[in-house]
Amino acid sequence: RGDTQAQGASLVGANLQRSRMTGMVAIAADFTD
């Protein structure tokens, strides 16, 4: 298995409604707003 990697990614103002992110690695990612 390989986790989806999103370390340090910027998702500022992104629409993630009903998205599936089980097991995702998003250390220090930016989900502001």
PDB file of all heavy atoms in Angstrom:
ATOM      1  N   ARG A   1       0.827  -1.191   0.000  1.00  0.00           N
ATOM      2  CA  ARG A   1       0.000   0.000   0.000  1.00  0.00           C
ATOM      3  C   ARG A   1       0.867   1.248   0.000  1.00  0.00           C
ATOM      4  O   ARG A   1       1.953   1.268   0.557  1.00  0.00           O
ATOM      5  CB  ARG A   1      -0.913   0.043   1.224  1.00  0.00           C
ATOM      6  CG  ARG A   1      -1.745  -1.196   1.441  1.00  0.00           C
ATOM      7  CD  ARG A   1      -2.813  -1.348   0.397  1.00  0.00           C
ATOM      8  NE  ARG A   1      -3.825  -0.313   0.474  1.00  0.00           N
ATOM      9  CZ  ARG A   1      -4.825  -0.225  -0.393  1.00  0.00           C
ATOM     10  NH1 ARG A   1      -4.926  -1.064  -1.394  1.00  0.00           N
ATOM     11  NH2 ARG A   1      -5.735   0.731  -0.259  1.00  0.00           N
ATOM     12  N   GLY A   2       0.382   2.283  -0.641  1.00  0.00           N
ATOM     13  CA  GLY A   2       1.081   3.556  -0.623  1.00  0.00           C
ATOM     14  C   GLY A   2       0.118   4.667  -0.243  1.00  0.00           C
ATOM     15  O   GLY A   2      -0.877   4.884  -0.915  1.00  0.00           O
ATOM     16  N   ASP A   3       0.396   5.363   0.865  1.00  0.00           N
ATOM     17  CA  ASP A   3      -0.472   6.444   1.293  1.00  0.00           C
ATOM     18  C   ASP A   3      -0.385   7.611   0.320  1.00  0.00           C
ATOM     19  O   ASP A   3       0.663   7.884  -0.263  1.00  0.00           O
ATOM     20  CB  ASP A   3      -0.075   6.932   2.690  1.00  0.00           C
ATOM     21  CG  ASP A   3      -0.283   5.884   3.758  1.00  0.00           C
ATOM     22  OD1 ASP A   3      -1.167   5.028   3.570  1.00  0.00           O
ATOM     23  OD2 ASP A   3       0.452   5.918   4.768  1.00  0.00           O
ATOM     24  N   THR A   4      -1.492   8.308   0.146  1.00  0.00           N
ATOM     25  CA  THR A   4      -1.471   9.553  -0.600  1.00  0.00           C
ATOM     26  C   THR A   4      -0.692  10.579   0.220  1.00  0.00           C
ATOM     27  O   THR A   4      -0.980  10.809   1.387  1.00  0.00           O
ATOM     28  CB  THR A   4      -2.893  10.054  -0.870  1.00  0.00           C
ATOM     29  OG1 THR A   4      -3.595   9.089  -1.657  1.00  0.00           O
ATOM     30  CG2 THR A   4      -2.872  11.380  -1.615  1.00  0.00           C
ATOM     31  N   GLN A   5       0.318  11.146  -0.403  1.00  0.00           N
ATOM     32  CA  GLN A   5       1.220  12.062   0.280  1.00  0.00           C
ATOM     33  C   GLN A   5       0.884  13.507  -0.083  1.00  0.00           C
ATOM     34  O   GLN A   5       0.829  13.848  -1.263  1.00  0.00           O
ATOM     35  CB  GLN A   5       2.672  11.767  -0.107  1.00  0.00           C
ATOM     36  CG  GLN A   5       3.113  10.321   0.119  1.00  0.00           C
ATOM     37  CD  GLN A   5       3.435  10.020   1.550  1.00  0.00           C
ATOM     38  OE1 GLN A   5       3.981  10.869   2.262  1.00  0.00           O
ATOM     39  NE2 GLN A   5       3.120   8.827   2.020  1.00  0.00           N
ATOM     40  N   ALA A   6       0.689  14.350   0.917  1.00  0.00           N
ATOM     41  CA  ALA A   6       0.407  15.759   0.659  1.00  0.00           C
ATOM     42  C   ALA A   6       1.098  16.659   1.680  1.00  0.00           C
ATOM     43  O   ALA A   6       0.584  17.708   2.059  1.00  0.00           O
ATOM     44  CB  ALA A   6      -1.100  16.009   0.673  1.00  0.00           C
ATOM     45  N   GLN A   7       2.291  16.240   2.119  1.00  0.00           N
ATOM     46  CA  GLN A   7       3.024  17.046   3.087  1.00  0.00           C
ATOM     47  C   GLN A   7       3.321  18.428   2.529  1.00  0.00           C
ATOM     48  O   GLN A   7       3.825  18.573   1.416  1.00  0.00           O
ATOM     49  CB  GLN A   7       4.352  16.364   3.471  1.00  0.00           C
ATOM     50  CG  GLN A   7       4.172  15.072   4.238  1.00  0.00           C
ATOM     51  CD  GLN A   7       4.247  13.857   3.364  1.00  0.00           C
ATOM     52  OE1 GLN A   7       3.683  13.855   2.253  1.00  0.00           O
ATOM     53  NE2 GLN A   7       4.944  12.843   3.811  1.00  0.00           N
ATOM     54  N   GLY A   8       2.989  19.435   3.322  1.00  0.00           N
ATOM     55  CA  GLY A   8       3.297  20.800   2.921  1.00  0.00           C
ATOM     56  C   GLY A   8       2.484  21.331   1.755  1.00  0.00           C
ATOM     57  O   GLY A   8       2.756  22.423   1.255  1.00  0.00           O
ATOM     58  N   ALA A   9       1.475  20.586   1.306  1.00  0.00           N
ATOM     59  CA  ALA A   9       0.648  21.044   0.189  1.00  0.00           C
ATOM     60  C   ALA A   9      -0.257  22.190   0.627  1.00  0.00           C
ATOM     61  O   ALA A   9      -0.636  22.296   1.797  1.00  0.00           O
ATOM     62  CB  ALA A   9      -0.198  19.891  -0.354  1.00  0.00           C
ATOM     63  N   SER A  10      -0.590  23.065  -0.316  1.00  0.00           N
ATOM     64  CA  SER A  10      -1.511  24.166  -0.042  1.00  0.00           C
ATOM     65  C   SER A  10      -2.869  23.860  -0.638  1.00  0.00           C
ATOM     66  O   SER A  10      -2.999  23.696  -1.852  1.00  0.00           O
ATOM     67  CB  SER A  10      -0.976  25.474  -0.628  1.00  0.00           C
ATOM     68  OG  SER A  10      -1.932  26.517  -0.455  1.00  0.00           O
ATOM     69  N   LEU A  11      -3.879  23.774   0.211  1.00  0.00           N
ATOM     70  CA  LEU A  11      -5.261  23.558  -0.206  1.00  0.00           C
ATOM     71  C   LEU A  11      -6.141  24.692   0.313  1.00  0.00           C
ATOM     72  O   LEU A  11      -7.310  24.504   0.632  1.00  0.00           O
ATOM     73  CB  LEU A  11      -5.765  22.199   0.279  1.00  0.00           C
ATOM     74  CG  LEU A  11      -5.086  21.001  -0.422  1.00  0.00           C
ATOM     75  CD1 LEU A  11      -4.274  20.194   0.566  1.00  0.00           C
ATOM     76  CD2 LEU A  11      -6.100  20.110  -1.111  1.00  0.00           C
ATOM     77  N   VAL A  12      -5.567  25.882   0.372  1.00  0.00           N
ATOM     78  CA  VAL A  12      -6.262  27.066   0.870  1.00  0.00           C
ATOM     79  C   VAL A  12      -7.505  27.329   0.023  1.00  0.00           C
ATOM     80  O   VAL A  12      -7.441  27.451  -1.195  1.00  0.00           O
ATOM     81  CB  VAL A  12      -5.339  28.299   0.844  1.00  0.00           C
ATOM     82  CG1 VAL A  12      -6.110  29.554   1.261  1.00  0.00           C
ATOM     83  CG2 VAL A  12      -4.124  28.090   1.732  1.00  0.00           C
ATOM     84  N   GLY A  13      -8.661  27.389   0.698  1.00  0.00           N
ATOM     85  CA  GLY A  13      -9.906  27.684  -0.003  1.00  0.00           C
ATOM     86  C   GLY A  13     -10.380  26.602  -0.952  1.00  0.00           C
ATOM     87  O   GLY A  13     -11.303  26.829  -1.730  1.00  0.00           O
ATOM     88  N   ALA A  14      -9.769  25.415  -0.906  1.00  0.00           N
ATOM     89  CA  ALA A  14     -10.163  24.335  -1.807  1.00  0.00           C
ATOM     90  C   ALA A  14     -11.497  23.728  -1.380  1.00  0.00           C
ATOM     91  O   ALA A  14     -11.864  23.742  -0.207  1.00  0.00           O
ATOM     92  CB  ALA A  14      -9.088  23.247  -1.848  1.00  0.00           C
ATOM     93  N   ASN A  15     -12.222  23.200  -2.364  1.00  0.00           N
ATOM     94  CA  ASN A  15     -13.477  22.498  -2.087  1.00  0.00           C
ATOM     95  C   ASN A  15     -13.186  21.002  -2.030  1.00  0.00           C
ATOM     96  O   ASN A  15     -12.935  20.368  -3.044  1.00  0.00           O
ATOM     97  CB  ASN A  15     -14.510  22.797  -3.177  1.00  0.00           C
ATOM     98  CG  ASN A  15     -15.818  22.022  -2.953  1.00  0.00           C
ATOM     99  OD1 ASN A  15     -16.089  21.547  -1.846  1.00  0.00           O
ATOM    100  ND2 ASN A  15     -16.630  21.888  -3.989  1.00  0.00           N
ATOM    101  N   LEU A  16     -13.211  20.442  -0.832  1.00  0.00           N
ATOM    102  CA  LEU A  16     -12.964  19.025  -0.608  1.00  0.00           C
ATOM    103  C   LEU A  16     -14.210  18.315  -0.091  1.00  0.00           C
ATOM    104  O   LEU A  16     -14.123  17.240   0.499  1.00  0.00           O
ATOM    105  CB  LEU A  16     -11.803  18.842   0.371  1.00  0.00           C
ATOM    106  CG  LEU A  16     -10.413  19.211  -0.170  1.00  0.00           C
ATOM    107  CD1 LEU A  16      -9.490  19.645   0.947  1.00  0.00           C
ATOM    108  CD2 LEU A  16      -9.810  18.034  -0.932  1.00  0.00           C
ATOM    109  N   GLN A  17     -15.357  18.919  -0.305  1.00  0.00           N
ATOM    110  CA  GLN A  17     -16.601  18.348   0.210  1.00  0.00           C
ATOM    111  C   GLN A  17     -16.791  16.917  -0.294  1.00  0.00           C
ATOM    112  O   GLN A  17     -16.639  16.619  -1.474  1.00  0.00           O
ATOM    113  CB  GLN A  17     -17.793  19.207  -0.205  1.00  0.00           C
ATOM    114  CG  GLN A  17     -19.120  18.747   0.417  1.00  0.00           C
ATOM    115  CD  GLN A  17     -20.239  19.725   0.175  1.00  0.00           C
ATOM    116  OE1 GLN A  17     -20.041  20.795  -0.365  1.00  0.00           O
ATOM    117  NE2 GLN A  17     -21.444  19.392   0.588  1.00  0.00           N
ATOM    118  N   ARG A  18     -17.065  16.022   0.654  1.00  0.00           N
ATOM    119  CA  ARG A  18     -17.347  14.603   0.378  1.00  0.00           C
ATOM    120  C   ARG A  18     -16.182  13.878  -0.283  1.00  0.00           C
ATOM    121  O   ARG A  18     -16.362  12.822  -0.882  1.00  0.00           O
ATOM    122  CB  ARG A  18     -18.628  14.464  -0.449  1.00  0.00           C
ATOM    123  CG  ARG A  18     -19.878  14.797   0.371  1.00  0.00           C
ATOM    124  CD  ARG A  18     -21.122  14.948  -0.444  1.00  0.00           C
ATOM    125  NE  ARG A  18     -21.418  13.802  -1.269  1.00  0.00           N
ATOM    126  CZ  ARG A  18     -22.454  13.722  -2.084  1.00  0.00           C
ATOM    127  NH1 ARG A  18     -23.301  14.765  -2.159  1.00  0.00           N
ATOM    128  NH2 ARG A  18     -22.666  12.657  -2.815  1.00  0.00           N
ATOM    129  N   SER A  19     -14.990  14.455  -0.210  1.00  0.00           N
ATOM    130  CA  SER A  19     -13.828  13.761  -0.752  1.00  0.00           C
ATOM    131  C   SER A  19     -13.400  12.657   0.213  1.00  0.00           C
ATOM    132  O   SER A  19     -13.674  12.699   1.408  1.00  0.00           O
ATOM    133  CB  SER A  19     -12.669  14.731  -1.005  1.00  0.00           C
ATOM    134  OG  SER A  19     -12.280  15.359   0.179  1.00  0.00           O
ATOM    135  N   ARG A  20     -12.706  11.655  -0.345  1.00  0.00           N
ATOM    136  CA  ARG A  20     -12.267  10.500   0.442  1.00  0.00           C
ATOM    137  C   ARG A  20     -10.762  10.599   0.660  1.00  0.00           C
ATOM    138  O   ARG A  20      -9.988  10.515  -0.287  1.00  0.00           O
ATOM    139  CB  ARG A  20     -12.644   9.214  -0.294  1.00  0.00           C
ATOM    140  CG  ARG A  20     -14.150   8.955  -0.310  1.00  0.00           C
ATOM    141  CD  ARG A  20     -14.528   7.832  -1.243  1.00  0.00           C
ATOM    142  NE  ARG A  20     -14.447   8.228  -2.638  1.00  0.00           N
ATOM    143  CZ  ARG A  20     -14.689   7.420  -3.660  1.00  0.00           C
ATOM    144  NH1 ARG A  20     -15.000   6.153  -3.441  1.00  0.00           N
ATOM    145  NH2 ARG A  20     -14.604   7.865  -4.905  1.00  0.00           N
ATOM    146  N   MET A  21     -10.365  10.772   1.921  1.00  0.00           N
ATOM    147  CA  MET A  21      -8.977  11.023   2.257  1.00  0.00           C
ATOM    148  C   MET A  21      -8.491  10.074   3.351  1.00  0.00           C
ATOM    149  O   MET A  21      -7.552  10.374   4.076  1.00  0.00           O
ATOM    150  CB  MET A  21      -8.802  12.484   2.678  1.00  0.00           C
ATOM    151  CG  MET A  21      -9.262  13.477   1.606  1.00  0.00           C
ATOM    152  SD  MET A  21      -9.453  15.188   2.169  1.00  0.00           S
ATOM    153  CE  MET A  21      -7.759  15.666   2.387  1.00  0.00           C
ATOM    154  N   THR A  22      -9.119   8.928   3.452  1.00  0.00           N
ATOM    155  CA  THR A  22      -8.735   7.926   4.444  1.00  0.00           C
ATOM    156  C   THR A  22      -7.259   7.557   4.291  1.00  0.00           C
ATOM    157  O   THR A  22      -6.799   7.239   3.196  1.00  0.00           O
ATOM    158  CB  THR A  22      -9.609   6.671   4.306  1.00  0.00           C
ATOM    159  OG1 THR A  22     -10.968   7.015   4.611  1.00  0.00           O
ATOM    160  CG2 THR A  22      -9.142   5.571   5.243  1.00  0.00           C
ATOM    161  N   GLY A  23      -6.541   7.612   5.398  1.00  0.00           N
ATOM    162  CA  GLY A  23      -5.133   7.225   5.400  1.00  0.00           C
ATOM    163  C   GLY A  23      -4.192   8.230   4.773  1.00  0.00           C
ATOM    164  O   GLY A  23      -2.986   7.978   4.677  1.00  0.00           O
ATOM    165  N   MET A  24      -4.673   9.384   4.369  1.00  0.00           N
ATOM    166  CA  MET A  24      -3.841  10.382   3.710  1.00  0.00           C
ATOM    167  C   MET A  24      -2.798  10.948   4.681  1.00  0.00           C
ATOM    168  O   MET A  24      -3.064  11.150   5.854  1.00  0.00           O
ATOM    169  CB  MET A  24      -4.730  11.507   3.187  1.00  0.00           C
ATOM    170  CG  MET A  24      -4.014  12.581   2.408  1.00  0.00           C
ATOM    171  SD  MET A  24      -5.210  13.815   1.808  1.00  0.00           S
ATOM    172  CE  MET A  24      -4.167  14.858   0.799  1.00  0.00           C
ATOM    173  N   VAL A  25      -1.595  11.199   4.168  1.00  0.00           N
ATOM    174  CA  VAL A  25      -0.543  11.840   4.953  1.00  0.00           C
ATOM    175  C   VAL A  25      -0.428  13.280   4.491  1.00  0.00           C
ATOM    176  O   VAL A  25      -0.005  13.553   3.367  1.00  0.00           O
ATOM    177  CB  VAL A  25       0.808  11.114   4.793  1.00  0.00           C
ATOM    178  CG1 VAL A  25       1.888  11.823   5.604  1.00  0.00           C
ATOM    179  CG2 VAL A  25       0.692   9.653   5.222  1.00  0.00           C
ATOM    180  N   ALA A  26      -0.842  14.215   5.329  1.00  0.00           N
ATOM    181  CA  ALA A  26      -0.848  15.635   4.977  1.00  0.00           C
ATOM    182  C   ALA A  26      -0.233  16.457   6.109  1.00  0.00           C
ATOM    183  O   ALA A  26      -0.808  17.443   6.572  1.00  0.00           O
ATOM    184  CB  ALA A  26      -2.267  16.101   4.658  1.00  0.00           C
ATOM    185  N   ILE A  27       0.943  16.053   6.554  1.00  0.00           N
ATOM    186  CA  ILE A  27       1.645  16.754   7.630  1.00  0.00           C
ATOM    187  C   ILE A  27       1.966  18.184   7.194  1.00  0.00           C
ATOM    188  O   ILE A  27       2.480  18.407   6.093  1.00  0.00           O
ATOM    189  CB  ILE A  27       2.935  16.005   8.008  1.00  0.00           C
ATOM    190  CG1 ILE A  27       2.606  14.594   8.510  1.00  0.00           C
ATOM    191  CG2 ILE A  27       3.704  16.774   9.079  1.00  0.00           C
ATOM    192  CD1 ILE A  27       3.827  13.699   8.660  1.00  0.00           C
ATOM    193  N   ALA A  28       1.614  19.151   8.049  1.00  0.00           N
ATOM    194  CA  ALA A  28       1.897  20.569   7.809  1.00  0.00           C
ATOM    195  C   ALA A  28       1.253  21.106   6.528  1.00  0.00           C
ATOM    196  O   ALA A  28       1.698  22.123   5.990  1.00  0.00           O
ATOM    197  CB  ALA A  28       3.408  20.823   7.790  1.00  0.00           C
ATOM    198  N   ALA A  29       0.224  20.436   6.023  1.00  0.00           N
ATOM    199  CA  ALA A  29      -0.508  20.952   4.865  1.00  0.00           C
ATOM    200  C   ALA A  29      -1.387  22.119   5.301  1.00  0.00           C
ATOM    201  O   ALA A  29      -1.756  22.246   6.467  1.00  0.00           O
ATOM    202  CB  ALA A  29      -1.353  19.853   4.233  1.00  0.00           C
ATOM    203  N   ASP A  30      -1.725  22.974   4.344  1.00  0.00           N
ATOM    204  CA  ASP A  30      -2.509  24.170   4.645  1.00  0.00           C
ATOM    205  C   ASP A  30      -3.923  24.027   4.084  1.00  0.00           C
ATOM    206  O   ASP A  30      -4.131  24.075   2.879  1.00  0.00           O
ATOM    207  CB  ASP A  30      -1.831  25.409   4.055  1.00  0.00           C
ATOM    208  CG  ASP A  30      -2.432  26.714   4.574  1.00  0.00           C
ATOM    209  OD1 ASP A  30      -3.477  26.668   5.260  1.00  0.00           O
ATOM    210  OD2 ASP A  30      -1.847  27.787   4.306  1.00  0.00           O
ATOM    211  N   PHE A  31      -4.897  23.845   4.982  1.00  0.00           N
ATOM    212  CA  PHE A  31      -6.301  23.713   4.617  1.00  0.00           C
ATOM    213  C   PHE A  31      -7.100  24.957   5.031  1.00  0.00           C
ATOM    214  O   PHE A  31      -8.309  24.891   5.211  1.00  0.00           O
ATOM    215  CB  PHE A  31      -6.914  22.483   5.299  1.00  0.00           C
ATOM    216  CG  PHE A  31      -6.365  21.159   4.845  1.00  0.00           C
ATOM    217  CD1 PHE A  31      -5.339  20.535   5.542  1.00  0.00           C
ATOM    218  CD2 PHE A  31      -6.878  20.529   3.725  1.00  0.00           C
ATOM    219  CE1 PHE A  31      -4.830  19.312   5.135  1.00  0.00           C
ATOM    220  CE2 PHE A  31      -6.378  19.301   3.312  1.00  0.00           C
ATOM    221  CZ  PHE A  31      -5.353  18.693   4.017  1.00  0.00           C
ATOM    222  N   THR A  32      -6.454  26.093   5.150  1.00  0.00           N
ATOM    223  CA  THR A  32      -7.132  27.317   5.569  1.00  0.00           C
ATOM    224  C   THR A  32      -8.373  27.585   4.711  1.00  0.00           C
ATOM    225  O   THR A  32      -8.299  27.592   3.480  1.00  0.00           O
ATOM    226  CB  THR A  32      -6.179  28.527   5.464  1.00  0.00           C
ATOM    227  OG1 THR A  32      -5.044  28.327   6.309  1.00  0.00           O
ATOM    228  CG2 THR A  32      -6.878  29.811   5.874  1.00  0.00           C
ATOM    229  N   ASP A  33      -9.511  27.771   5.368  1.00  0.00           N
ATOM    230  CA  ASP A  33     -10.778  28.101   4.704  1.00  0.00           C
ATOM    231  C   ASP A  33     -11.254  27.032   3.715  1.00  0.00           C
ATOM    232  O   ASP A  33     -12.141  27.287   2.896  1.00  0.00           O
ATOM    233  CB  ASP A  33     -10.699  29.448   3.978  1.00  0.00           C
ATOM    234  CG  ASP A  33     -10.597  30.624   4.922  1.00  0.00           C
ATOM    235  OD1 ASP A  33     -11.172  30.567   6.013  1.00  0.00           O
ATOM    236  OD2 ASP A  33      -9.915  31.603   4.569  1.00  0.00           O
TER     237      ASP A  33
END
